[in-house]
């Protein structure tokens, strides 16, 4: 299975999720959702940077899965996620994110950026490493 996303927790509490550019399948998309939820296993405050620079547009069924994941994990996110930054240079992918949030509102503060440096600066201002 080619991964839909790769998760890097080496700078925890800042987590980076990089979309690989591989097409979404039921298997790799579910793995991405499961791995994202696993980031909360420490029950500590964190922030997530989603790097969608290489993202492909997920199928509508996977967009619905993402929206359902947000709904199911709303309380977990509100308890531990200080915010999420999205690096999305592609207009079509930004539109998909808005569609997912139309299905299910993002439960924590978020910002969409065109460049990784902007996202990193926004997340670092949260002061999680202190």
Protein backbone atom coordinates (compact mmCIF):
# COMPACT_ATOMS: atom_id res chain seq x y z
CA UNK A 1 0.00 0.00 0.00
CA UNK A 2 1.30 3.43 -0.92
CA UNK A 3 0.66 5.87 1.94
CA UNK A 4 -1.73 8.76 1.43
CA UNK A 5 0.11 10.74 4.12
CA UNK A 6 3.23 10.50 6.27
CA UNK A 7 3.19 11.68 9.86
CA UNK A 8 6.27 13.14 11.56
CA UNK A 9 6.09 13.50 15.34
CA UNK A 10 9.83 14.12 15.81
CA UNK A 11 9.20 17.77 16.82
CA UNK A 12 6.29 16.95 19.17
CA UNK A 13 4.19 18.82 20.28
CA UNK A 14 4.28 20.11 16.71
CA UNK A 15 3.20 17.32 14.37
CA UNK A 16 3.65 17.47 10.61
CA UNK A 17 1.39 15.50 8.31
CA UNK A 18 2.63 15.48 4.72
CA UNK A 19 0.38 14.28 1.95
CA UNK A 20 2.46 12.11 -0.38
CA UNK A 21 0.73 12.76 -3.69
CA UNK A 22 -0.46 9.15 -3.84
CA UNK A 23 -4.08 8.65 -4.85
CA UNK A 24 -6.45 8.01 -1.95
CA UNK A 25 -7.72 4.46 -1.54
CA UNK A 26 -10.03 3.13 1.16
CA UNK A 27 -7.04 1.42 2.78
CA UNK A 28 -4.48 4.24 2.73
CA UNK A 29 -7.04 6.92 3.63
CA UNK A 30 -8.22 4.92 6.66
CA UNK A 31 -4.57 4.42 7.65
CA UNK A 32 -4.03 8.20 7.45
CA UNK A 33 -7.07 8.82 9.68
CA UNK A 34 -5.94 6.17 12.18
CA UNK A 35 -2.39 7.55 12.28
CA UNK A 36 -3.71 11.08 12.75
CA UNK A 37 -5.78 9.96 15.73
CA UNK A 38 -2.73 8.20 17.17
CA UNK A 39 -1.03 11.61 17.49
CA UNK A 40 -3.35 12.24 20.44
CA UNK A 41 -2.23 9.15 22.38
CA UNK A 42 -0.02 11.21 24.73
CA UNK A 43 -3.01 13.31 25.81
CA UNK A 44 -0.86 16.44 25.62
CA UNK A 45 -1.43 19.75 23.84
CA UNK A 46 -0.22 19.70 20.27
CA UNK A 47 -0.49 21.55 17.00
CA UNK A 48 -0.64 19.97 13.58
CA UNK A 49 0.74 21.28 10.31
CA UNK A 50 -0.84 19.62 7.29
CA UNK A 51 1.47 19.95 4.30
CA UNK A 52 -0.78 19.55 1.26
CA UNK A 53 1.84 20.76 -1.22
CA UNK A 54 1.76 17.37 -2.98
CA UNK A 55 -1.81 16.43 -2.08
CA UNK A 56 -4.13 14.87 -4.59
CA UNK A 57 -7.86 15.46 -4.40
CA UNK A 58 -9.42 12.71 -2.29
CA UNK A 59 -12.55 11.03 -3.59
CA UNK A 60 -15.87 12.35 -2.32
CA UNK A 61 -16.28 9.25 -0.14
CA UNK A 62 -12.92 10.01 1.47
CA UNK A 63 -13.90 13.66 1.96
CA UNK A 64 -16.96 12.38 3.82
CA UNK A 65 -14.72 10.04 5.86
CA UNK A 66 -12.57 13.04 6.83
CA UNK A 67 -15.65 15.03 7.85
CA UNK A 68 -16.93 12.08 9.90
CA UNK A 69 -13.50 11.75 11.55
CA UNK A 70 -13.68 15.42 12.58
CA UNK A 71 -17.15 14.84 14.04
CA UNK A 72 -16.13 11.66 15.89
CA UNK A 73 -12.95 13.23 17.30
CA UNK A 74 -14.26 16.72 18.03
CA UNK A 75 -13.89 16.45 21.82
CA UNK A 76 -10.42 14.90 21.57
CA UNK A 77 -9.27 17.70 19.30
CA UNK A 78 -10.81 20.40 21.50
CA UNK A 79 -9.08 18.94 24.56
CA UNK A 80 -5.58 18.61 23.07
CA UNK A 81 -5.18 20.42 19.74
CA UNK A 82 -4.15 24.07 20.03
CA UNK A 83 -4.66 24.54 16.30
CA UNK A 84 -4.05 23.25 12.82
CA UNK A 85 -2.18 24.93 10.01
CA UNK A 86 -2.77 23.90 6.42
CA UNK A 87 -0.13 24.51 3.76
CA UNK A 88 -2.15 24.44 0.55
CA UNK A 89 -0.72 26.25 -2.47
CA UNK A 90 -3.28 24.59 -4.79
CA UNK A 91 -6.64 26.39 -5.14
CA UNK A 92 -8.52 23.16 -5.92
CA UNK A 93 -7.26 21.53 -2.71
CA UNK A 94 -8.20 24.66 -0.70
CA UNK A 95 -11.70 24.36 -2.17
CA UNK A 96 -11.87 20.70 -1.07
CA UNK A 97 -10.89 21.70 2.47
CA UNK A 98 -13.74 24.22 2.51
CA UNK A 99 -16.10 21.47 1.30
CA UNK A 100 -14.99 19.15 4.11
CA UNK A 101 -15.51 21.94 6.65
CA UNK A 102 -18.96 22.55 5.16
CA UNK A 103 -19.78 18.91 5.96
CA UNK A 104 -18.26 19.18 9.42
CA UNK A 105 -16.93 22.34 11.03
CA UNK A 106 -13.28 22.32 12.09
CA UNK A 107 -13.48 22.17 15.93
CA UNK A 108 -10.19 23.96 16.69
CA UNK A 109 -8.52 27.18 15.46
CA UNK A 110 -6.98 26.84 12.02
CA UNK A 111 -5.33 28.87 9.29
CA UNK A 112 -4.60 28.12 5.65
CA UNK A 113 -1.22 29.19 4.28
CA UNK A 114 0.49 29.08 0.93
CA UNK A 115 3.98 28.45 2.34
CA UNK A 116 5.39 26.16 5.06
CA UNK A 117 7.34 28.98 6.71
CA UNK A 118 4.11 30.89 7.36
CA UNK A 119 2.45 27.82 8.87
CA UNK A 120 5.45 27.06 11.06
CA UNK A 121 5.57 30.65 12.34
CA UNK A 122 1.84 30.57 13.19
CA UNK A 123 2.16 27.28 15.08
CA UNK A 124 5.31 28.35 16.95
CA UNK A 125 3.47 31.43 18.28
CA UNK A 126 1.20 29.06 20.20
CA UNK A 127 4.04 28.54 22.68
CA UNK A 128 3.59 24.78 23.00
CA UNK A 129 7.29 24.05 23.51
CA UNK A 130 7.47 26.12 26.69
